[in-house]
Amino acid sequence: MKPLESVISRAGGTAVAVTALAVMATILWLAPAADTGLTRHGLLFTTREHHIAATPAATVAAITLAVATALMLLLLNKVYTFIRAVTNLQATVMAVLIAAWPAAAVAGTAMELPLLLTLVAIPVFESYERPASQRRCLAAAAAVSTGCLFDYAYAVLLPPVIIGFINAKAMNVKTGIATALGLLAPPWTALACGLAHLRDFNVPVISPVSPDVLTTAPTVAIIALAALAALTLTLMVTNVIATETNRLVLRVHNSFFHLTAVSVVAAMLIDTGSAATLYPLLATAAAHEITQRFAVATEKR
């Protein structure tokens, strides 16, 4: 950790973050987007992945979404300071981790999830101890529900959003109803406007972890993904313990990312086929846990 801290302190956090994003963009641009032929199932719509994974448009979109996510992470921490320090490390680590699996970032929903996570974090954070947060609950729930129409992977954001509102002491009868309406409004609107029909309803197709899945996937990829998931959860537990004495508002803000880490790892175990789609979201959660650990370690010196 000390060598990394030394590099960041000498070169400057902003320079390191910009460099990491530039390297990530280069790797994403050079990585070919293969025609996987996979089908992404949503609640009412189905999309062939190779239409989305076609270069160069998908590469440009992935880079744009990644940069937007990094900027949102920096903005969130600058406004809410939930890491107890204004740092660019979170965006930097996210960029490095995403660049480690460029094909995943280019395919389908992958880079949309981290950006949506940072966007729905705003209403969750703003609802802290504000029971009259019906609009915030409705907007966040509707955003996630709209994504679920096209890809069930968006459902991984529901636990951090809903539990986040509960932890923020914003969930009551009125906000609960608003959340339910937010979840129901997108599919209801799609059906009412004739954009979809009940016959288009898709049952989630999942492939849980099994010996067959483990033997068909590349060993190095399994080990690397399992190591990142284990590291993320371990650091999450460590950070929860280390920040136990922090103010409640900071614990609530950090719990949003903790819940995201748990949710995305659980989703990968339930459906191994979604691992590539969920990887950038795991990278974002891991970046938060790593950055929080650095902040806690620095604060104790």
Protein backbone atom coordinates (compact mmCIF):
# COMPACT_ATOMS: atom_id res chain seq x y z
CA MET A 1 0.00 0.00 0.00
CA LYS A 2 2.83 2.44 0.84
CA PRO A 3 4.35 2.39 -2.68
CA LEU A 4 0.95 3.17 -4.19
CA GLU A 5 0.36 5.97 -1.69
CA SER A 6 3.80 7.38 -2.50
CA VAL A 7 3.09 7.39 -6.25
CA ILE A 8 -0.27 9.08 -5.75
CA SER A 9 1.12 11.73 -3.39
CA ARG A 10 4.03 12.59 -5.70
CA ALA A 11 2.25 12.52 -9.04
CA GLY A 12 -0.96 14.01 -7.76
CA GLY A 13 -4.29 12.21 -7.47
CA THR A 14 -5.79 14.00 -10.45
CA ALA A 15 -2.89 13.11 -12.74
CA VAL A 16 -3.05 9.46 -11.70
CA ALA A 17 -6.83 9.35 -12.22
CA VAL A 18 -6.58 10.95 -15.67
CA THR A 19 -3.76 8.60 -16.67
CA ALA A 20 -5.69 5.55 -15.52
CA LEU A 21 -8.76 6.67 -17.45
CA ALA A 22 -6.63 7.28 -20.55
CA VAL A 23 -5.08 3.82 -20.33
CA MET A 24 -8.49 2.28 -19.77
CA ALA A 25 -9.89 4.12 -22.81
CA THR A 26 -6.97 2.91 -24.95
CA ILE A 27 -7.41 -0.70 -23.87
CA LEU A 28 -11.15 -0.53 -24.45
CA TRP A 29 -10.59 0.93 -27.90
CA LEU A 30 -8.07 -1.75 -28.91
CA ALA A 31 -10.10 -4.65 -27.48
CA PRO A 32 -12.28 -6.24 -30.17
CA ALA A 33 -15.95 -6.68 -29.31
CA ALA A 34 -16.75 -10.26 -30.26
CA ASP A 35 -20.14 -11.30 -31.60
CA THR A 36 -21.14 -13.52 -28.70
CA GLY A 37 -24.61 -14.21 -30.01
CA LEU A 38 -25.95 -14.05 -26.45
CA THR A 39 -29.41 -12.73 -25.70
CA ARG A 40 -30.09 -10.26 -22.89
CA HIS A 41 -33.48 -10.86 -21.34
CA GLY A 42 -35.44 -8.11 -19.66
CA LEU A 43 -38.90 -8.10 -18.18
CA LEU A 44 -40.58 -7.22 -21.50
CA PHE A 45 -37.81 -6.77 -24.05
CA THR A 46 -35.10 -9.01 -25.46
CA THR A 47 -31.91 -7.73 -27.09
CA ARG A 48 -29.26 -9.57 -29.03
CA GLU A 49 -25.93 -8.70 -27.44
CA HIS A 50 -24.00 -8.56 -30.71
CA HIS A 51 -26.08 -5.56 -31.81
CA ILE A 52 -24.85 -3.69 -28.74
CA ALA A 53 -21.31 -5.06 -28.78
CA ALA A 54 -20.55 -3.84 -32.30
CA THR A 55 -17.49 -1.61 -32.61
CA PRO A 56 -16.66 1.24 -32.77
CA ALA A 57 -19.95 2.66 -31.46
CA ALA A 58 -20.02 0.37 -28.42
CA THR A 59 -16.42 1.21 -27.59
CA VAL A 60 -17.11 4.94 -27.69
CA ALA A 61 -20.22 4.41 -25.54
CA ALA A 62 -18.29 2.30 -23.01
CA ILE A 63 -15.52 4.88 -22.70
CA THR A 64 -18.02 7.72 -22.35
CA LEU A 65 -20.00 5.87 -19.66
CA ALA A 66 -16.82 4.92 -17.80
CA VAL A 67 -15.55 8.51 -17.74
CA ALA A 68 -18.99 9.75 -16.66
CA THR A 69 -19.04 7.19 -13.84
CA ALA A 70 -15.58 8.23 -12.67
CA LEU A 71 -16.59 11.89 -12.64
CA MET A 72 -19.77 11.04 -10.73
CA LEU A 73 -17.76 9.14 -8.11
CA LEU A 74 -15.51 12.17 -7.64
CA LEU A 75 -18.52 14.49 -7.45
CA LEU A 76 -20.39 12.31 -4.95
CA ASN A 77 -17.43 12.16 -2.60
CA LYS A 78 -16.76 15.87 -2.96
CA VAL A 79 -20.36 16.73 -2.07
CA TYR A 80 -21.04 14.12 0.62
CA THR A 81 -17.45 13.29 1.72
CA PHE A 82 -18.39 9.77 2.80
CA ILE A 83 -14.76 8.63 2.44
CA ARG A 84 -13.72 11.32 4.93
CA ALA A 85 -11.29 12.76 2.40
CA VAL A 86 -11.48 14.25 -1.08
CA THR A 87 -9.57 11.70 -3.18
CA ASN A 88 -9.33 10.55 -6.77
CA LEU A 89 -8.27 7.04 -5.79
CA GLN A 90 -11.80 5.65 -6.11
CA ALA A 91 -12.12 6.64 -9.78
CA THR A 92 -8.55 5.53 -10.46
CA VAL A 93 -8.98 2.03 -9.04
CA MET A 94 -12.29 1.65 -10.86
CA ALA A 95 -10.61 2.53 -14.16
CA VAL A 96 -7.76 0.07 -13.59
CA LEU A 97 -10.10 -2.78 -12.67
CA ILE A 98 -12.41 -2.18 -15.64
CA ALA A 99 -9.43 -2.10 -18.00
CA ALA A 100 -8.50 -5.57 -16.73
CA TRP A 101 -11.53 -7.04 -18.52
CA PRO A 102 -12.22 -4.72 -21.48
CA ALA A 103 -14.55 -7.12 -23.32
CA ALA A 104 -16.93 -7.04 -20.36
CA ALA A 105 -17.07 -3.25 -20.35
CA VAL A 106 -17.98 -3.10 -24.03
CA ALA A 107 -20.79 -5.65 -23.95
CA GLY A 108 -24.39 -4.67 -23.37
CA THR A 109 -25.56 -3.28 -20.06
CA ALA A 110 -22.16 -3.49 -18.36
CA MET A 111 -21.09 0.17 -18.16
CA GLU A 112 -24.63 1.47 -17.74
CA LEU A 113 -24.95 -0.14 -14.30
CA PRO A 114 -22.10 1.74 -12.53
CA LEU A 115 -23.31 5.08 -13.89
CA LEU A 116 -26.89 4.37 -12.82
CA LEU A 117 -25.56 3.37 -9.39
CA THR A 118 -23.93 6.78 -8.95
CA LEU A 119 -27.09 8.53 -10.15
CA VAL A 120 -29.54 6.71 -7.87
CA ALA A 121 -27.13 7.28 -4.98
CA ILE A 122 -28.08 10.98 -5.06
CA PRO A 123 -31.77 10.56 -4.08
CA VAL A 124 -30.77 7.96 -1.49
CA PHE A 125 -28.20 10.28 0.09
CA GLU A 126 -30.50 13.31 -0.14
CA SER A 127 -33.32 11.44 1.63
CA TYR A 128 -31.36 11.06 4.87
CA GLU A 129 -33.78 11.73 7.75
CA ARG A 130 -36.29 13.23 5.32
CA PRO A 131 -39.52 11.21 5.57
CA ALA A 132 -41.12 13.36 2.84
CA SER A 133 -38.96 11.81 0.12
CA GLN A 134 -41.70 10.34 -2.05
CA ARG A 135 -40.34 11.87 -5.25
CA ARG A 136 -36.82 10.64 -4.57
CA CYS A 137 -38.03 7.09 -3.86
CA LEU A 138 -40.27 7.11 -6.93
CA ALA A 139 -37.51 8.40 -9.22
CA ALA A 140 -34.87 5.92 -8.03
CA ALA A 141 -37.24 2.94 -8.19
CA ALA A 142 -38.54 3.95 -11.63
CA ALA A 143 -34.98 4.27 -12.99
CA VAL A 144 -34.04 0.76 -11.87
CA SER A 145 -37.37 -0.67 -13.02
CA THR A 146 -36.95 0.87 -16.47
CA GLY A 147 -33.59 -0.85 -16.80
CA CYS A 148 -35.15 -4.17 -15.77
CA LEU A 149 -37.49 -3.94 -18.77
CA PHE A 150 -34.45 -4.49 -21.01
CA ASP A 151 -32.11 -6.52 -18.80
CA TYR A 152 -32.74 -8.31 -15.51
CA ALA A 153 -29.19 -7.37 -14.46
CA TYR A 154 -30.54 -3.99 -13.34
CA ALA A 155 -32.37 -5.77 -10.52
CA VAL A 156 -29.05 -6.02 -8.69
CA LEU A 157 -29.47 -2.31 -7.82
CA LEU A 158 -32.77 -2.83 -6.01
CA PRO A 159 -31.30 -4.01 -2.65
CA PRO A 160 -28.92 -1.04 -2.22
CA VAL A 161 -31.64 1.40 -3.29
CA ILE A 162 -34.50 0.06 -1.17
CA ILE A 163 -32.40 -0.83 1.87
CA GLY A 164 -30.54 2.45 1.39
CA PHE A 165 -33.78 4.40 1.82
CA ILE A 166 -34.57 2.32 4.92
CA ASN A 167 -31.14 3.00 6.41
CA ALA A 168 -31.57 6.70 5.61
CA LYS A 169 -34.74 6.68 7.75
CA ALA A 170 -36.76 7.84 4.77
CA MET A 171 -38.95 4.77 4.31
CA ASN A 172 -42.49 5.00 5.66
CA VAL A 173 -45.96 4.23 4.32
CA LYS A 174 -45.96 7.12 1.84
CA THR A 175 -42.43 6.54 0.55
CA GLY A 176 -43.10 2.80 0.47
CA ILE A 177 -46.10 3.37 -1.79
CA ALA A 178 -44.04 5.77 -3.92
CA THR A 179 -41.32 3.13 -4.29
CA ALA A 180 -43.88 0.49 -5.30
CA LEU A 181 -45.40 2.87 -7.85
CA GLY A 182 -41.93 3.61 -9.21
CA LEU A 183 -41.33 -0.09 -9.76
CA LEU A 184 -44.72 -0.66 -11.41
CA ALA A 185 -44.92 2.50 -13.55
CA PRO A 186 -42.39 1.58 -16.31
CA PRO A 187 -43.84 -1.86 -17.20
CA TRP A 188 -47.39 -0.50 -16.85
CA THR A 189 -46.57 2.39 -19.19
CA ALA A 190 -44.90 0.08 -21.72
CA LEU A 191 -47.97 -2.18 -21.76
CA ALA A 192 -50.49 0.67 -21.80
CA CYS A 193 -48.77 2.45 -24.71
CA GLY A 194 -48.56 -0.72 -26.76
CA LEU A 195 -44.76 -0.78 -26.69
CA ALA A 196 -44.92 -4.33 -25.31
CA HIS A 197 -47.51 -7.02 -24.65
CA LEU A 198 -48.01 -9.56 -21.91
CA ARG A 199 -46.91 -12.30 -24.30
CA ASP A 200 -43.48 -10.60 -24.35
CA PHE A 201 -42.94 -11.34 -20.66
CA ASN A 202 -39.55 -13.03 -20.15
CA VAL A 203 -38.85 -15.47 -17.35
CA PRO A 204 -35.34 -14.87 -15.92
CA VAL A 205 -32.84 -17.39 -17.28
CA ILE A 206 -30.19 -18.12 -14.67
CA SER A 207 -27.18 -20.43 -14.50
CA PRO A 208 -26.09 -20.79 -10.86
CA VAL A 209 -22.60 -21.81 -9.84
CA SER A 210 -22.11 -25.51 -10.50
CA PRO A 211 -19.23 -27.90 -11.29
CA ASP A 212 -20.21 -27.77 -14.99
CA VAL A 213 -19.98 -23.99 -15.06
CA LEU A 214 -16.63 -23.98 -13.28
CA THR A 215 -15.10 -26.54 -15.64
CA THR A 216 -16.17 -24.77 -18.83
CA ALA A 217 -14.97 -21.29 -17.84
CA PRO A 218 -11.27 -20.30 -18.05
CA THR A 219 -9.51 -21.15 -14.78
CA VAL A 220 -7.57 -17.87 -14.65
CA ALA A 221 -10.76 -15.86 -15.12
CA ILE A 222 -12.54 -17.77 -12.34
CA ILE A 223 -9.64 -17.32 -9.93
CA ALA A 224 -9.27 -13.61 -10.71
CA LEU A 225 -13.00 -12.91 -10.41
CA ALA A 226 -13.30 -14.93 -7.18
CA ALA A 227 -10.26 -13.15 -5.73
CA LEU A 228 -11.70 -9.71 -6.51
CA ALA A 229 -15.08 -10.67 -5.03
CA ALA A 230 -13.44 -12.08 -1.89
CA LEU A 231 -11.22 -9.01 -1.53
CA THR A 232 -14.21 -6.69 -1.93
CA LEU A 233 -16.28 -8.47 0.72
CA THR A 234 -13.32 -8.75 3.10
CA LEU A 235 -12.55 -5.05 2.84
CA MET A 236 -16.26 -4.29 3.21
CA VAL A 237 -16.41 -6.10 6.55
CA THR A 238 -13.17 -4.40 7.65
CA ASN A 239 -14.50 -0.97 6.67
CA VAL A 240 -17.81 -1.54 8.47
CA ILE A 241 -15.93 -2.35 11.67
CA ALA A 242 -13.44 0.50 11.25
CA THR A 243 -16.12 3.13 10.59
CA GLU A 244 -18.48 1.97 13.33
CA THR A 245 -17.80 5.13 15.34
CA ASN A 246 -18.43 7.49 12.41
CA ARG A 247 -21.47 9.70 12.29
CA LEU A 248 -24.64 7.89 11.25
CA VAL A 249 -24.97 9.87 8.03
CA LEU A 250 -21.52 8.70 6.88
CA ARG A 251 -22.32 5.10 7.77
CA VAL A 252 -25.56 5.33 5.79
CA HIS A 253 -23.76 6.70 2.72
CA ASN A 254 -21.09 4.01 2.88
CA SER A 255 -23.64 1.27 3.48
CA PHE A 256 -25.09 2.04 0.03
CA PHE A 257 -21.82 0.88 -1.56
CA HIS A 258 -21.46 -2.01 0.92
CA LEU A 259 -24.90 -3.28 -0.07
CA THR A 260 -23.96 -2.95 -3.73
CA ALA A 261 -20.92 -5.16 -3.18
CA VAL A 262 -22.97 -7.85 -1.46
CA SER A 263 -25.73 -7.64 -4.06
CA VAL A 264 -23.43 -7.92 -7.08
CA VAL A 265 -21.43 -10.85 -5.65
CA ALA A 266 -24.65 -12.67 -4.77
CA ALA A 267 -26.01 -12.04 -8.28
CA MET A 268 -22.85 -13.47 -9.83
CA LEU A 269 -23.21 -16.64 -7.75
CA ILE A 270 -26.90 -16.97 -8.61
CA ASP A 271 -26.34 -16.37 -12.32
CA THR A 272 -22.80 -16.96 -13.56
CA GLY A 273 -23.90 -15.97 -17.05
CA SER A 274 -24.25 -12.37 -15.86
CA ALA A 275 -20.66 -12.16 -14.57
CA ALA A 276 -19.38 -10.16 -17.54
CA THR A 277 -22.31 -7.76 -17.38
CA LEU A 278 -21.93 -7.22 -13.64
CA TYR A 279 -18.14 -6.98 -13.58
CA PRO A 280 -17.90 -3.16 -14.01
CA LEU A 281 -20.35 -2.77 -11.12
CA LEU A 282 -18.20 -5.09 -9.01
CA ALA A 283 -15.17 -3.02 -10.00
CA THR A 284 -16.94 0.13 -8.81
CA ALA A 285 -17.86 -1.46 -5.48
CA ALA A 286 -14.32 -2.80 -5.06
CA ALA A 287 -12.88 0.64 -5.83
CA HIS A 288 -14.98 2.14 -3.04
CA GLU A 289 -13.91 -0.48 -0.49
CA ILE A 290 -10.23 -0.12 -1.41
CA THR A 291 -10.40 3.67 -1.21
CA GLN A 292 -12.25 3.59 2.09
CA ARG A 293 -9.61 1.24 3.50
CA PHE A 294 -6.85 3.65 2.45
CA ALA A 295 -8.72 6.56 4.04
CA VAL A 296 -9.21 4.69 7.32
CA ALA A 297 -5.55 3.60 7.42
CA THR A 298 -4.37 7.15 6.70
CA GLU A 299 -6.68 8.63 9.31
CA LYS A 300 -5.32 6.38 12.07
CA ARG A 301 -1.73 7.52 11.53
